[in-house]
Amino acid sequence: MLKKTATYITLSVAFLFSSGFAVAQDIHFSQFTETPQLLNPGATGVYNGYMRAIVNYKNQWTSMGKAFNTEAASFDIPMFDYNQRKAHLGAGINFFNDKAGDSKFGLTQANLCIAGIIPVSMQSTFSMGVSIGAAQHKADLNSLVWGNQFNGETFDPSINSNEGTPVNSFIYADIGAGLYYEYNSGKATIERNEAKRFGIGVAYYHINRPTQKYFSVTQKLDAKLVATMNGSFDKTGTKFSIQPSAMFAMQGKAMEITAGCAVRYRIKNGTKITGFYSESGIAIGINYRYKDAVIPQVYYEVKDFGIGISYDLNISSYREASHYNGGAEISLKYYIQKGALFKQKNML
């Protein structure tokens, strides 16, 4: 019976976190550097390559049973980038699905992102982007059972629960915008030279304040402000790089601050002239989410592929119930780089 009660509690908690009545905010991934479009539409198409596809998965709060599962995918390309010294566009799409509990209470959303990318120097670009999406909240209450369906021995779903439909499915439009700046000192040489790269951005989501409808309550979704920073700095004369990153998000009364650093070891240099060999490397780091979690992370890259694995060790006041279990997360990336001077692969 306790297990069935926990299902209803999970539904209630999911509602509170989704509707903004508690200290709630949008979905988020601990590997936030692997969700560029999700955090800033201005970062769409801003990379030294021809195409980028990323898949993310997070399984969170397993101590609550079937708690939270989040999947996301994104794809973006630079368009009309025939000459990197001229203004061009970045275009991308992204999708995510977030579900909680046996009721599968959650949110599904798809977004189209367009960014205008302007080179401001030989090593710097500035971009402005917009995100336009459609989202749907829904739940499957047919899988839930209620206290008055207990027949003395077990729960009988054929017994009328006398419960109304507390959650209705609804669809709404969602709009966001962002600014992004990137500096990249990388140069094409036969042997990889020391490089410095960093990007900073700020974005504002739910500009149109879409209406949310739960129970008999209707309210506007809080707007969200997001600021990010990430970088990679090669240590001269070695194969090591330092990769700091940070994210700040505020939505209504909720706030999230995550920061950390990884150390990357370059296993193999890529040849920049012929493109016969691609660079590979491994990075190990740790992030800290303020008053919530310590997050060890490992990334491995070989050729055009990358994989990231992390785990949230919960250190908040909830740790007595979670036993420090937070959530496992994985990211997969396929990224065609502009690695060779003699290759022309412009997509558009």
Protein backbone atom coordinates (compact mmCIF):
# COMPACT_ATOMS: atom_id res chain seq x y z
CA MET A 1 0.00 0.00 0.00
CA LEU A 2 2.89 2.31 0.76
CA LYS A 3 4.21 1.76 -2.74
CA LYS A 4 0.88 2.78 -4.28
CA THR A 5 0.69 5.82 -2.01
CA ALA A 6 4.19 6.80 -3.12
CA THR A 7 2.96 6.81 -6.72
CA TYR A 8 0.37 9.45 -5.92
CA ILE A 9 2.93 11.43 -3.93
CA THR A 10 5.29 11.34 -6.90
CA LEU A 11 2.50 12.67 -9.13
CA SER A 12 1.83 15.48 -6.67
CA VAL A 13 5.51 16.39 -6.38
CA ALA A 14 5.89 16.35 -10.17
CA PHE A 15 2.92 18.69 -10.46
CA LEU A 16 4.36 21.11 -7.95
CA PHE A 17 7.72 21.17 -9.64
CA SER A 18 6.25 21.56 -13.11
CA SER A 19 3.72 24.26 -12.32
CA GLY A 20 5.99 26.63 -10.45
CA PHE A 21 4.22 26.49 -7.08
CA ALA A 22 7.37 25.14 -5.43
CA VAL A 23 11.01 26.11 -5.97
CA ALA A 24 10.73 24.76 -9.49
CA GLN A 25 12.41 25.28 -12.80
CA ASP A 26 12.71 23.68 -16.23
CA ILE A 27 14.46 20.42 -16.93
CA HIS A 28 18.22 20.52 -16.71
CA PHE A 29 21.16 18.23 -17.37
CA SER A 30 24.29 18.03 -15.23
CA GLN A 31 26.38 17.81 -18.42
CA PHE A 32 25.14 21.24 -19.44
CA THR A 33 28.02 21.80 -21.89
CA GLU A 34 26.45 18.99 -23.95
CA THR A 35 23.07 20.77 -24.28
CA PRO A 36 24.02 24.02 -26.11
CA GLN A 37 20.64 24.69 -27.80
CA LEU A 38 18.71 23.85 -24.64
CA LEU A 39 20.54 26.59 -22.74
CA ASN A 40 21.03 29.22 -25.44
CA PRO A 41 19.61 29.41 -28.98
CA GLY A 42 22.41 31.87 -29.76
CA ALA A 43 24.88 28.94 -29.59
CA THR A 44 23.18 27.22 -32.54
CA GLY A 45 25.73 26.50 -35.28
CA VAL A 46 28.58 28.16 -33.35
CA TYR A 47 31.38 25.60 -33.59
CA ASN A 48 34.26 24.77 -35.91
CA GLY A 49 32.54 22.02 -37.85
CA TYR A 50 29.94 21.01 -40.42
CA MET A 51 27.26 19.31 -38.30
CA ARG A 52 26.63 18.38 -34.68
CA ALA A 53 24.17 15.86 -33.21
CA ILE A 54 23.81 15.18 -29.46
CA VAL A 55 21.66 12.73 -27.49
CA ASN A 56 21.20 13.04 -23.71
CA TYR A 57 19.59 10.80 -21.09
CA LYS A 58 19.12 11.31 -17.34
CA ASN A 59 17.58 8.97 -14.75
CA GLN A 60 17.03 10.91 -11.52
CA TRP A 61 15.79 10.18 -7.99
CA THR A 62 15.63 6.39 -8.32
CA SER A 63 15.18 6.24 -4.53
CA MET A 64 11.60 7.44 -5.20
CA GLY A 65 10.85 4.48 -7.47
CA LYS A 66 9.87 5.40 -11.01
CA ALA A 67 10.77 9.03 -10.48
CA PHE A 68 12.18 11.22 -13.24
CA ASN A 69 13.47 10.19 -16.66
CA THR A 70 14.56 12.79 -19.19
CA GLU A 71 15.64 12.27 -22.79
CA ALA A 72 16.83 14.96 -25.18
CA ALA A 73 18.26 15.19 -28.69
CA SER A 74 19.56 18.07 -30.78
CA PHE A 75 20.97 18.69 -34.24
CA ASP A 76 22.47 21.89 -35.65
CA ILE A 77 24.56 23.10 -38.58
CA PRO A 78 26.18 26.36 -39.73
CA MET A 79 24.44 27.52 -42.92
CA PHE A 80 25.99 29.44 -45.84
CA ASP A 81 29.34 29.30 -44.07
CA TYR A 82 31.34 29.46 -47.31
CA ASN A 83 33.72 32.02 -45.84
CA GLN A 84 34.21 31.98 -42.09
CA ARG A 85 35.01 35.69 -42.15
CA LYS A 86 31.49 36.59 -43.29
CA ALA A 87 28.19 36.65 -41.43
CA HIS A 88 26.13 33.47 -41.76
CA LEU A 89 23.34 31.54 -40.07
CA GLY A 90 23.12 28.64 -37.67
CA ALA A 91 20.05 26.38 -37.74
CA GLY A 92 19.02 23.59 -35.43
CA ILE A 93 16.25 21.56 -33.87
CA ASN A 94 16.03 20.05 -30.42
CA PHE A 95 13.62 17.82 -28.56
CA PHE A 96 13.15 16.65 -24.99
CA ASN A 97 10.77 14.43 -23.07
CA ASP A 98 10.52 14.44 -19.26
CA LYS A 99 8.40 11.88 -17.37
CA ALA A 100 7.80 11.22 -13.67
CA GLY A 101 6.30 8.25 -11.82
CA ASP A 102 3.84 5.57 -12.87
CA SER A 103 1.53 8.26 -14.20
CA LYS A 104 4.21 9.34 -16.69
CA PHE A 105 3.40 12.91 -15.70
CA GLY A 106 5.61 15.17 -17.74
CA LEU A 107 6.49 17.48 -20.56
CA THR A 108 7.33 16.92 -24.21
CA GLN A 109 8.74 19.80 -26.25
CA ALA A 110 10.28 20.41 -29.67
CA ASN A 111 12.07 23.63 -30.67
CA LEU A 112 13.40 25.22 -33.84
CA CYS A 113 16.46 27.44 -33.33
CA ILE A 114 17.89 30.03 -35.71
CA ALA A 115 20.99 32.12 -34.98
CA GLY A 116 22.72 34.95 -36.83
CA ILE A 117 26.50 34.52 -36.50
CA ILE A 118 28.79 37.52 -37.00
CA PRO A 119 32.61 37.22 -37.01
CA VAL A 120 33.98 40.22 -35.11
CA SER A 121 37.66 39.31 -35.54
CA MET A 122 39.83 36.48 -36.87
CA GLN A 123 39.28 34.59 -33.61
CA SER A 124 35.94 35.82 -32.27
CA THR A 125 32.28 35.45 -33.19
CA PHE A 126 29.13 37.00 -31.81
CA SER A 127 25.71 35.48 -32.37
CA MET A 128 22.05 36.18 -31.63
CA GLY A 129 19.46 33.43 -31.72
CA VAL A 130 15.78 32.70 -31.22
CA SER A 131 13.98 29.52 -30.23
CA ILE A 132 10.38 28.78 -31.20
CA GLY A 133 8.79 25.63 -29.85
CA ALA A 134 5.66 23.67 -29.07
CA ALA A 135 5.20 21.90 -25.74
CA GLN A 136 2.68 19.49 -24.26
CA HIS A 137 2.02 18.58 -20.62
CA LYS A 138 0.18 15.32 -20.01
CA ALA A 139 -0.25 12.36 -17.67
CA ASP A 140 -1.62 8.82 -17.89
CA LEU A 141 -3.79 8.40 -14.79
CA ASN A 142 -5.18 5.02 -15.85
CA SER A 143 -2.14 3.31 -14.34
CA LEU A 144 -2.74 4.79 -10.87
CA VAL A 145 -4.68 3.20 -8.02
CA TRP A 146 -6.33 4.94 -5.07
CA GLY A 147 -6.99 4.16 -1.43
CA ASN A 148 -10.69 3.38 -1.88
CA GLN A 149 -9.78 0.70 -4.48
CA PHE A 150 -8.27 -1.52 -1.77
CA ASN A 151 -10.62 -4.49 -1.27
CA GLY A 152 -9.04 -5.74 1.93
CA GLU A 153 -6.46 -7.93 0.23
CA THR A 154 -5.19 -6.05 -2.78
CA PHE A 155 -5.88 -3.05 -4.99
CA ASP A 156 -8.68 -3.67 -7.48
CA PRO A 157 -8.59 -1.19 -10.41
CA SER A 158 -12.12 -2.23 -11.43
CA ILE A 159 -13.49 -0.47 -8.35
CA ASN A 160 -14.57 3.09 -9.13
CA SER A 161 -12.03 5.44 -7.56
CA ASN A 162 -14.54 8.31 -7.57
CA GLU A 163 -11.61 10.52 -8.51
CA GLY A 164 -12.00 13.20 -11.14
CA THR A 165 -9.34 13.81 -13.76
CA PRO A 166 -6.89 16.04 -11.87
CA VAL A 167 -4.54 16.64 -14.80
CA ASN A 168 -5.52 17.57 -18.32
CA SER A 169 -3.28 17.50 -21.37
CA PHE A 170 -2.58 20.86 -22.90
CA ILE A 171 -0.33 22.30 -25.61
CA TYR A 172 1.30 25.72 -25.77
CA ALA A 173 3.82 27.73 -27.78
CA ASP A 174 7.15 28.70 -26.20
CA ILE A 175 9.61 31.41 -27.27
CA GLY A 176 13.19 32.09 -26.17
CA ALA A 177 16.15 34.21 -27.28
CA GLY A 178 19.85 34.38 -26.52
CA LEU A 179 23.19 36.09 -27.11
CA TYR A 180 26.47 34.18 -27.39
CA TYR A 181 30.15 35.10 -27.79
CA GLU A 182 32.99 32.69 -28.58
CA TYR A 183 36.74 33.16 -28.78
CA ASN A 184 38.83 30.46 -30.46
CA SER A 185 42.56 30.78 -31.06
CA GLY A 186 42.94 27.38 -32.73
CA LYS A 187 44.95 27.33 -35.96
CA ALA A 188 45.43 24.73 -38.69
CA THR A 189 48.89 23.22 -38.56
CA ILE A 190 50.38 19.80 -39.26
CA GLU A 191 50.85 19.21 -35.53
CA ARG A 192 48.27 20.47 -33.09
CA ASN A 193 49.25 23.79 -31.56
CA GLU A 194 48.27 25.10 -28.15
CA ALA A 195 44.76 26.52 -28.37
CA LYS A 196 42.49 28.61 -26.22
CA ARG A 197 38.73 28.62 -26.55
CA PHE A 198 35.97 30.00 -24.39
CA GLY A 199 32.34 30.93 -24.83
CA ILE A 200 29.95 33.00 -22.75
CA GLY A 201 26.24 33.47 -23.26
CA VAL A 202 22.99 34.70 -21.79
CA ALA A 203 19.48 33.59 -22.74
CA TYR A 204 15.90 34.35 -21.76
CA TYR A 205 13.21 31.67 -22.09
CA HIS A 206 9.38 31.64 -21.94
CA ILE A 207 9.29 35.21 -23.22
CA ASN A 208 5.61 34.79 -24.09
CA ARG A 209 4.77 33.49 -20.56
CA PRO A 210 2.69 30.51 -21.77
CA THR A 211 -0.39 29.59 -19.74
CA GLN A 212 -0.28 26.44 -17.61
CA LYS A 213 -3.49 24.61 -16.65
CA TYR A 214 -3.56 22.17 -13.73
CA PHE A 215 -6.50 21.12 -11.58
CA SER A 216 -8.72 24.24 -11.39
CA VAL A 217 -5.71 26.56 -11.44
CA THR A 218 -4.47 28.56 -14.42
CA GLN A 219 -1.22 30.51 -14.26
CA LYS A 220 1.57 31.89 -16.42
CA LEU A 221 4.85 29.98 -16.70
CA ASP A 222 7.68 31.96 -15.13
CA ALA A 223 10.30 33.32 -17.51
CA LYS A 224 13.80 31.88 -17.12
CA LEU A 225 17.19 33.60 -17.28
CA VAL A 226 20.25 31.46 -18.11
CA ALA A 227 23.93 32.45 -18.18
CA THR A 228 26.70 30.04 -19.19
CA MET A 229 30.47 29.93 -19.51
CA ASN A 230 32.75 27.18 -20.81
CA GLY A 231 36.30 27.01 -22.04
CA SER A 232 39.28 24.86 -22.96
CA PHE A 233 42.84 26.04 -22.40
CA ASP A 234 45.80 23.95 -23.55
CA LYS A 235 48.83 23.89 -21.27
CA THR A 236 51.85 24.84 -23.38
CA GLY A 237 54.26 22.01 -24.06
CA THR A 238 51.97 19.28 -22.76
CA LYS A 239 48.98 17.25 -23.90
CA PHE A 240 46.81 18.53 -21.06
CA SER A 241 43.98 21.05 -21.18
CA ILE A 242 42.01 22.77 -18.45
CA GLN A 243 38.26 22.96 -19.13
CA PRO A 244 36.27 25.15 -16.72
CA SER A 245 32.49 25.58 -17.02
CA ALA A 246 29.68 27.30 -15.13
CA MET A 247 25.93 27.81 -15.41
CA PHE A 248 23.49 30.11 -13.64
CA ALA A 249 19.71 29.78 -14.04
CA MET A 250 16.84 31.65 -12.40
CA GLN A 251 13.15 30.98 -12.90
CA GLY A 252 10.63 32.55 -10.57
CA LYS A 253 11.88 31.96 -7.02
CA ALA A 254 14.09 29.06 -8.10
CA MET A 255 17.80 29.44 -8.73
CA GLU A 256 20.51 27.02 -9.83
CA ILE A 257 24.26 27.55 -9.80
CA THR A 258 26.56 24.84 -11.15
CA ALA A 259 30.30 25.18 -11.69
CA GLY A 260 33.27 22.91 -12.12
CA CYS A 261 36.37 21.99 -14.05
CA ALA A 262 37.79 19.05 -16.01
CA VAL A 263 41.32 18.10 -17.00
CA ARG A 264 41.62 16.70 -20.51
CA TYR A 265 44.49 14.54 -21.80
CA ARG A 266 45.06 14.55 -25.56
CA ILE A 267 45.65 10.90 -26.44
CA LYS A 268 46.35 11.55 -30.11
CA ASN A 269 46.92 14.65 -32.20
CA GLY A 270 44.87 15.22 -35.33
CA THR A 271 46.52 16.17 -38.61
CA LYS A 272 45.15 19.54 -39.68
CA ILE A 273 46.49 19.61 -43.24
CA THR A 274 45.44 16.24 -44.63
CA GLY A 275 42.80 15.19 -42.11
CA PHE A 276 44.18 11.63 -42.22
CA TYR A 277 44.10 11.40 -38.42
CA SER A 278 41.56 12.80 -35.98
CA GLU A 279 42.25 13.95 -32.46
CA SER A 280 41.21 11.83 -29.49
CA GLY A 281 41.24 12.54 -25.79
CA ILE A 282 39.78 11.86 -22.37
CA ALA A 283 38.62 14.38 -19.77
CA ILE A 284 37.91 13.80 -16.08
CA GLY A 285 36.29 16.46 -13.94
CA ILE A 286 33.86 17.35 -11.23
CA ASN A 287 31.02 19.88 -10.95
CA TYR A 288 29.21 21.25 -7.92
CA ARG A 289 25.56 22.25 -7.96
CA TYR A 290 25.06 24.72 -5.12
CA LYS A 291 23.44 23.10 -2.06
CA ASP A 292 22.38 20.11 -4.12
CA ALA A 293 24.95 17.78 -5.67
CA VAL A 294 28.56 16.87 -6.37
CA ILE A 295 28.87 15.60 -9.94
CA PRO A 296 31.89 13.56 -11.12
CA GLN A 297 32.13 13.38 -14.91
CA VAL A 298 34.14 11.55 -17.58
CA TYR A 299 34.26 12.41 -21.29
CA TYR A 300 35.91 10.42 -24.06
CA GLU A 301 36.34 11.61 -27.65
CA VAL A 302 37.65 9.71 -30.64
CA LYS A 303 37.45 10.95 -34.23
CA ASP A 304 34.02 12.54 -34.66
CA PHE A 305 32.40 10.78 -31.72
CA GLY A 306 32.16 11.66 -28.04
CA ILE A 307 30.59 10.13 -24.94
CA GLY A 308 30.07 11.66 -21.51
CA ILE A 309 29.08 9.90 -18.28
CA SER A 310 28.25 11.58 -14.97
CA TYR A 311 26.47 10.92 -11.69
CA ASP A 312 24.79 13.31 -9.27
CA LEU A 313 25.75 12.60 -5.66
CA ASN A 314 22.95 14.26 -3.72
CA ILE A 315 24.19 16.28 -0.72
CA SER A 316 21.06 18.36 -0.10
CA SER A 317 18.77 17.96 2.91
CA TYR A 318 17.05 15.20 0.95
CA ARG A 319 20.15 12.99 1.25
CA GLU A 320 18.74 11.13 4.28
CA ALA A 321 16.02 9.74 2.03
CA SER A 322 18.07 9.54 -1.19
CA HIS A 323 21.12 7.99 0.50
CA TYR A 324 23.20 10.35 -1.67
CA ASN A 325 21.65 8.89 -4.84
CA GLY A 326 20.86 11.62 -7.34
CA GLY A 327 20.90 10.67 -10.99
CA ALA A 328 22.94 8.94 -13.67
CA GLU A 329 23.43 10.76 -16.96
CA ILE A 330 24.93 9.96 -20.35
CA SER A 331 25.53 12.03 -23.48
CA LEU A 332 26.48 10.91 -26.99
CA LYS A 333 27.80 13.33 -29.59
CA TYR A 334 28.57 13.04 -33.30
CA TYR A 335 30.47 16.06 -34.52
CA ILE A 336 32.01 16.48 -37.99
CA GLN A 337 34.90 18.88 -37.46
CA LYS A 338 36.71 21.14 -39.92
CA GLY A 339 39.85 19.17 -39.34
CA ALA A 340 41.54 19.31 -42.77
CA LEU A 341 42.47 22.30 -44.88
CA PHE A 342 41.94 20.39 -48.13
CA LYS A 343 38.43 19.11 -47.38
CA GLN A 344 35.31 20.99 -48.39
CA LYS A 345 32.14 19.66 -46.73
CA ASN A 346 29.90 22.70 -46.51
CA MET A 347 26.39 21.46 -45.77
CA LEU A 348 24.64 24.58 -47.15
